[in-house]
């Protein structure tokens, strides 16, 4: 299911990561131009992966960034940790009106 999220992110030139959580939700971090991130957020809120059921979709920590922290969109597996940002910190962040954006998203899915 997460492969669809990755494919849709790459179509929109959005980078970051996504993973399933033990709570049955999907968590991730998105970065890209505002319009690309907005488009991806709409897809996560309304469509999602074919087998997912979207009960709720929340975005938090939205802010403008000067440069992208990721170069690709990664699916994080249970036995992996989230990709590290430049400087070693894992990232959650957000969206702004200009420049690259970084946003986190969560939505509940049916497994």
N, C-alpha and C. Protein backbone atom coordinates (compact mmCIF):
# COMPACT_ATOMS: atom_id res chain seq x y z
N UNK A 1 0.81 -1.20 0.00
CA UNK A 1 0.00 0.00 0.00
C UNK A 1 0.85 1.27 0.00
N UNK A 2 1.96 1.24 0.71
CA UNK A 2 2.80 2.43 0.77
C UNK A 2 3.47 2.73 -0.56
N UNK A 3 3.60 1.69 -1.41
CA UNK A 3 4.20 1.90 -2.72
C UNK A 3 3.40 2.92 -3.53
N UNK A 4 2.06 2.91 -3.39
CA UNK A 4 1.22 3.89 -4.08
C UNK A 4 1.52 5.30 -3.59
N UNK A 5 1.75 5.44 -2.30
CA UNK A 5 2.11 6.74 -1.73
C UNK A 5 3.44 7.21 -2.30
N UNK A 6 4.40 6.30 -2.38
CA UNK A 6 5.71 6.65 -2.95
C UNK A 6 5.56 7.08 -4.40
N UNK A 7 4.83 6.30 -5.19
CA UNK A 7 4.65 6.62 -6.60
C UNK A 7 3.99 7.99 -6.78
N UNK A 8 2.95 8.26 -6.00
CA UNK A 8 2.26 9.55 -6.11
C UNK A 8 3.14 10.70 -5.65
N UNK A 9 3.97 10.47 -4.66
CA UNK A 9 4.91 11.52 -4.22
C UNK A 9 5.91 11.84 -5.32
N UNK A 10 6.47 10.81 -5.93
CA UNK A 10 7.47 11.03 -6.97
C UNK A 10 6.86 11.70 -8.20
N UNK A 11 5.61 11.38 -8.53
CA UNK A 11 4.92 12.06 -9.65
C UNK A 11 4.83 13.56 -9.39
N UNK A 12 4.75 13.94 -8.13
CA UNK A 12 4.59 15.35 -7.75
C UNK A 12 5.92 16.01 -7.39
N UNK A 13 7.02 15.29 -7.56
CA UNK A 13 8.35 15.80 -7.18
C UNK A 13 8.41 16.13 -5.69
N UNK A 14 7.81 15.27 -4.89
CA UNK A 14 7.84 15.40 -3.43
C UNK A 14 8.77 14.32 -2.89
N UNK A 15 9.63 14.69 -1.95
CA UNK A 15 10.56 13.74 -1.33
C UNK A 15 10.23 13.61 0.15
N UNK A 16 10.81 12.61 0.80
CA UNK A 16 10.59 12.38 2.23
C UNK A 16 10.50 10.90 2.55
N UNK A 17 9.61 10.55 3.46
CA UNK A 17 9.46 9.15 3.86
C UNK A 17 8.05 8.91 4.39
N UNK A 18 7.69 7.61 4.46
CA UNK A 18 6.39 7.20 4.98
C UNK A 18 6.54 5.81 5.61
N UNK A 19 5.76 5.55 6.66
CA UNK A 19 5.79 4.22 7.29
C UNK A 19 4.45 3.92 7.95
N UNK A 20 4.12 2.64 8.05
CA UNK A 20 2.98 2.19 8.83
C UNK A 20 3.39 2.17 10.29
N UNK A 21 2.45 2.50 11.18
CA UNK A 21 2.75 2.46 12.61
C UNK A 21 2.01 1.29 13.25
N UNK A 22 2.40 0.95 14.46
CA UNK A 22 1.74 -0.13 15.20
C UNK A 22 0.29 0.23 15.54
N UNK A 23 -0.05 1.51 15.50
CA UNK A 23 -1.41 1.96 15.81
C UNK A 23 -2.35 1.84 14.61
N UNK A 24 -1.84 1.37 13.46
CA UNK A 24 -2.66 1.25 12.27
C UNK A 24 -2.77 2.53 11.48
N UNK A 25 -1.84 3.46 11.72
CA UNK A 25 -1.82 4.70 10.98
C UNK A 25 -0.60 4.73 10.07
N UNK A 26 -0.55 5.74 9.24
CA UNK A 26 0.60 5.99 8.39
C UNK A 26 1.18 7.32 8.81
N UNK A 27 2.50 7.36 8.96
CA UNK A 27 3.19 8.57 9.38
C UNK A 27 4.28 8.87 8.37
N UNK A 28 4.58 10.13 8.18
CA UNK A 28 5.65 10.44 7.24
C UNK A 28 6.05 11.88 7.26
N UNK A 29 6.96 12.20 6.36
CA UNK A 29 7.46 13.55 6.20
C UNK A 29 7.54 13.83 4.71
N UNK A 30 7.04 14.99 4.29
CA UNK A 30 7.03 15.37 2.89
C UNK A 30 7.80 16.66 2.70
N UNK A 31 8.51 16.79 1.59
CA UNK A 31 9.21 18.03 1.24
C UNK A 31 9.06 18.28 -0.25
N UNK A 32 8.91 19.54 -0.61
CA UNK A 32 8.84 19.93 -2.01
C UNK A 32 8.29 21.33 -2.12
N UNK A 33 8.03 21.77 -3.35
CA UNK A 33 7.43 23.08 -3.55
C UNK A 33 6.02 23.07 -2.99
N UNK A 34 5.54 24.23 -2.56
CA UNK A 34 4.23 24.34 -1.90
C UNK A 34 3.11 23.69 -2.69
N UNK A 35 3.04 23.99 -3.99
CA UNK A 35 1.94 23.42 -4.77
C UNK A 35 2.04 21.91 -4.86
N UNK A 36 3.25 21.37 -4.91
CA UNK A 36 3.44 19.92 -4.95
C UNK A 36 3.05 19.27 -3.62
N UNK A 37 3.46 19.89 -2.53
CA UNK A 37 3.11 19.37 -1.20
C UNK A 37 1.60 19.47 -1.00
N UNK A 38 0.99 20.58 -1.41
CA UNK A 38 -0.47 20.73 -1.30
C UNK A 38 -1.20 19.65 -2.09
N UNK A 39 -0.72 19.36 -3.29
CA UNK A 39 -1.32 18.32 -4.12
C UNK A 39 -1.21 16.95 -3.44
N UNK A 40 -0.05 16.67 -2.87
CA UNK A 40 0.14 15.40 -2.18
C UNK A 40 -0.74 15.31 -0.94
N UNK A 41 -0.87 16.40 -0.23
CA UNK A 41 -1.74 16.41 0.95
C UNK A 41 -3.19 16.12 0.55
N UNK A 42 -3.65 16.72 -0.55
CA UNK A 42 -5.02 16.45 -1.03
C UNK A 42 -5.19 14.97 -1.37
N UNK A 43 -4.18 14.39 -2.03
CA UNK A 43 -4.23 12.96 -2.38
C UNK A 43 -4.32 12.11 -1.11
N UNK A 44 -3.50 12.44 -0.11
CA UNK A 44 -3.53 11.69 1.16
C UNK A 44 -4.87 11.84 1.87
N UNK A 45 -5.48 13.03 1.80
CA UNK A 45 -6.75 13.29 2.48
C UNK A 45 -7.94 12.62 1.79
N UNK A 46 -7.90 12.53 0.47
CA UNK A 46 -9.08 12.12 -0.28
C UNK A 46 -8.99 10.78 -0.98
N UNK A 47 -7.79 10.37 -1.36
CA UNK A 47 -7.64 9.15 -2.17
C UNK A 47 -6.84 8.09 -1.42
N UNK A 48 -5.60 8.34 -1.18
CA UNK A 48 -4.73 7.38 -0.50
C UNK A 48 -4.51 6.14 -1.34
N UNK A 49 -3.87 5.16 -0.75
CA UNK A 49 -3.60 3.89 -1.42
C UNK A 49 -4.91 3.14 -1.66
N UNK A 50 -4.97 2.31 -2.71
CA UNK A 50 -6.22 1.63 -3.06
C UNK A 50 -6.87 0.84 -1.93
N UNK A 51 -6.11 0.21 -1.07
CA UNK A 51 -6.69 -0.61 0.00
C UNK A 51 -6.81 0.13 1.32
N UNK A 52 -6.53 1.42 1.32
CA UNK A 52 -6.60 2.16 2.58
C UNK A 52 -8.00 2.71 2.81
N UNK A 53 -8.30 2.92 4.07
CA UNK A 53 -9.52 3.61 4.49
C UNK A 53 -9.06 4.83 5.26
N UNK A 54 -9.37 6.00 4.78
CA UNK A 54 -8.91 7.23 5.42
C UNK A 54 -9.99 7.69 6.39
N UNK A 55 -9.72 7.54 7.67
CA UNK A 55 -10.63 8.01 8.71
C UNK A 55 -10.34 9.46 9.08
N UNK A 56 -9.07 9.80 9.02
CA UNK A 56 -8.63 11.13 9.43
C UNK A 56 -7.26 11.37 8.81
N UNK A 57 -6.97 12.59 8.46
CA UNK A 57 -5.66 12.93 7.92
C UNK A 57 -5.21 14.23 8.57
N UNK A 58 -4.12 14.19 9.29
CA UNK A 58 -3.63 15.36 10.02
C UNK A 58 -2.27 15.76 9.49
N UNK A 59 -2.05 17.05 9.39
CA UNK A 59 -0.76 17.59 9.01
C UNK A 59 -0.29 18.51 10.13
N UNK A 60 0.98 18.40 10.49
CA UNK A 60 1.48 19.20 11.60
C UNK A 60 2.89 19.70 11.30
N UNK A 61 3.34 20.60 12.13
CA UNK A 61 4.71 21.13 12.06
C UNK A 61 5.04 21.70 10.69
N UNK A 62 4.09 22.38 10.07
CA UNK A 62 4.32 22.91 8.73
C UNK A 62 5.13 24.20 8.78
N UNK A 63 6.17 24.25 7.97
CA UNK A 63 7.04 25.42 7.94
C UNK A 63 7.82 25.48 6.64
N UNK A 64 8.34 26.63 6.35
CA UNK A 64 9.18 26.83 5.18
C UNK A 64 10.60 26.40 5.50
N UNK A 65 11.27 25.81 4.51
CA UNK A 65 12.68 25.43 4.67
C UNK A 65 13.47 26.01 3.51
N UNK A 66 14.77 26.17 3.70
CA UNK A 66 15.63 26.74 2.67
C UNK A 66 16.08 25.71 1.65
N UNK A 67 16.22 24.46 2.08
CA UNK A 67 16.71 23.41 1.18
C UNK A 67 16.06 22.09 1.57
N UNK A 68 15.93 21.20 0.60
CA UNK A 68 15.35 19.89 0.87
C UNK A 68 16.33 19.06 1.69
N UNK A 69 15.81 18.30 2.63
CA UNK A 69 16.63 17.42 3.46
C UNK A 69 16.75 16.02 2.88
N UNK A 70 15.88 15.67 1.95
CA UNK A 70 15.85 14.33 1.36
C UNK A 70 16.05 14.43 -0.14
N UNK A 71 16.52 13.35 -0.76
CA UNK A 71 16.72 13.33 -2.21
C UNK A 71 15.77 12.36 -2.90
N UNK A 72 15.03 11.58 -2.13
CA UNK A 72 14.13 10.57 -2.68
C UNK A 72 12.95 10.42 -1.73
N UNK A 73 12.01 9.57 -2.10
CA UNK A 73 10.89 9.25 -1.22
C UNK A 73 11.06 7.79 -0.80
N UNK A 74 11.17 7.54 0.50
CA UNK A 74 11.50 6.23 1.04
C UNK A 74 10.33 5.63 1.80
N UNK A 75 10.14 4.32 1.64
CA UNK A 75 9.19 3.58 2.45
C UNK A 75 10.00 2.98 3.60
N UNK A 76 9.65 3.35 4.82
CA UNK A 76 10.35 2.87 6.01
C UNK A 76 9.63 1.62 6.50
N UNK A 77 10.35 0.54 6.64
CA UNK A 77 9.78 -0.72 7.12
C UNK A 77 9.84 -0.76 8.65
N UNK A 78 9.08 -1.69 9.24
CA UNK A 78 9.01 -1.78 10.71
C UNK A 78 10.37 -1.90 11.37
N UNK A 79 11.29 -2.61 10.73
CA UNK A 79 12.59 -2.84 11.35
C UNK A 79 13.59 -1.72 11.02
N UNK A 80 13.10 -0.63 10.43
CA UNK A 80 13.96 0.50 10.07
C UNK A 80 13.52 1.73 10.85
N UNK A 81 14.42 2.67 11.00
CA UNK A 81 14.04 3.97 11.55
C UNK A 81 13.85 4.94 10.39
N UNK A 82 13.20 6.04 10.66
CA UNK A 82 12.98 7.05 9.62
C UNK A 82 14.31 7.57 9.11
N UNK A 83 14.37 7.92 7.82
CA UNK A 83 15.61 8.47 7.28
C UNK A 83 16.05 9.71 8.06
N UNK A 84 17.34 9.86 8.20
CA UNK A 84 17.89 11.00 8.93
C UNK A 84 18.02 12.20 8.01
N UNK A 85 17.73 13.35 8.57
CA UNK A 85 17.92 14.60 7.84
C UNK A 85 19.38 14.99 7.91
N UNK A 86 19.76 15.94 7.09
CA UNK A 86 21.11 16.48 7.16
C UNK A 86 21.35 16.97 8.58
N UNK A 87 22.48 16.67 9.14
CA UNK A 87 22.78 17.09 10.50
C UNK A 87 22.39 16.02 11.52
N UNK A 88 21.77 14.91 11.07
CA UNK A 88 21.53 13.78 11.94
C UNK A 88 20.20 13.71 12.64
N UNK A 89 19.34 14.69 12.54
CA UNK A 89 18.06 14.66 13.26
C UNK A 89 16.96 14.09 12.36
N UNK A 90 16.05 13.28 12.92
CA UNK A 90 14.91 12.86 12.14
C UNK A 90 13.97 14.04 12.02
N UNK A 91 13.19 14.10 10.97
CA UNK A 91 12.46 15.33 10.73
C UNK A 91 10.96 15.23 10.68
N UNK A 92 10.33 16.20 11.26
CA UNK A 92 8.93 16.52 11.05
C UNK A 92 8.93 18.02 10.81
N UNK A 93 8.19 18.47 9.82
CA UNK A 93 8.15 19.90 9.59
C UNK A 93 7.00 20.28 8.70
N UNK A 94 7.14 21.29 7.81
CA UNK A 94 5.94 21.82 7.23
C UNK A 94 5.96 22.64 6.00
N UNK A 95 4.90 23.45 5.89
CA UNK A 95 4.61 24.15 4.67
C UNK A 95 4.52 25.65 4.82
N UNK A 96 4.90 26.33 3.76
CA UNK A 96 4.79 27.78 3.73
C UNK A 96 4.38 28.22 2.35
N UNK A 97 4.33 29.52 2.13
CA UNK A 97 3.85 30.06 0.85
C UNK A 97 4.93 30.06 -0.23
N UNK A 98 6.20 30.12 0.13
CA UNK A 98 7.25 30.21 -0.87
C UNK A 98 8.33 29.18 -0.62
N UNK A 99 9.04 28.81 -1.67
CA UNK A 99 10.19 27.94 -1.56
C UNK A 99 9.84 26.52 -1.23
N UNK A 100 10.87 25.70 -1.00
CA UNK A 100 10.64 24.30 -0.66
C UNK A 100 9.87 24.21 0.65
N UNK A 101 9.13 23.14 0.79
CA UNK A 101 8.35 22.93 2.00
C UNK A 101 8.65 21.56 2.56
N UNK A 102 8.35 21.42 3.80
CA UNK A 102 8.54 20.15 4.49
C UNK A 102 7.32 19.99 5.37
N UNK A 103 6.59 18.91 5.22
CA UNK A 103 5.40 18.71 6.02
C UNK A 103 5.29 17.27 6.48
N UNK A 104 4.70 17.05 7.61
CA UNK A 104 4.45 15.69 8.06
C UNK A 104 2.98 15.38 7.89
N UNK A 105 2.69 14.13 7.69
CA UNK A 105 1.28 13.75 7.54
C UNK A 105 1.03 12.44 8.24
N UNK A 106 -0.19 12.28 8.71
CA UNK A 106 -0.62 11.02 9.32
C UNK A 106 -2.02 10.75 8.82
N UNK A 107 -2.30 9.52 8.44
CA UNK A 107 -3.69 9.16 8.19
C UNK A 107 -3.89 7.70 8.54
N UNK A 108 -5.09 7.40 9.00
CA UNK A 108 -5.40 6.06 9.45
C UNK A 108 -5.76 5.19 8.25
N UNK A 109 -5.21 3.99 8.25
CA UNK A 109 -5.50 3.07 7.16
C UNK A 109 -5.98 1.74 7.71
N UNK A 110 -6.71 1.03 6.90
CA UNK A 110 -7.12 -0.33 7.24
C UNK A 110 -6.04 -1.26 6.73
N UNK A 111 -5.62 -2.19 7.54
CA UNK A 111 -4.56 -3.13 7.12
C UNK A 111 -5.17 -4.35 6.47
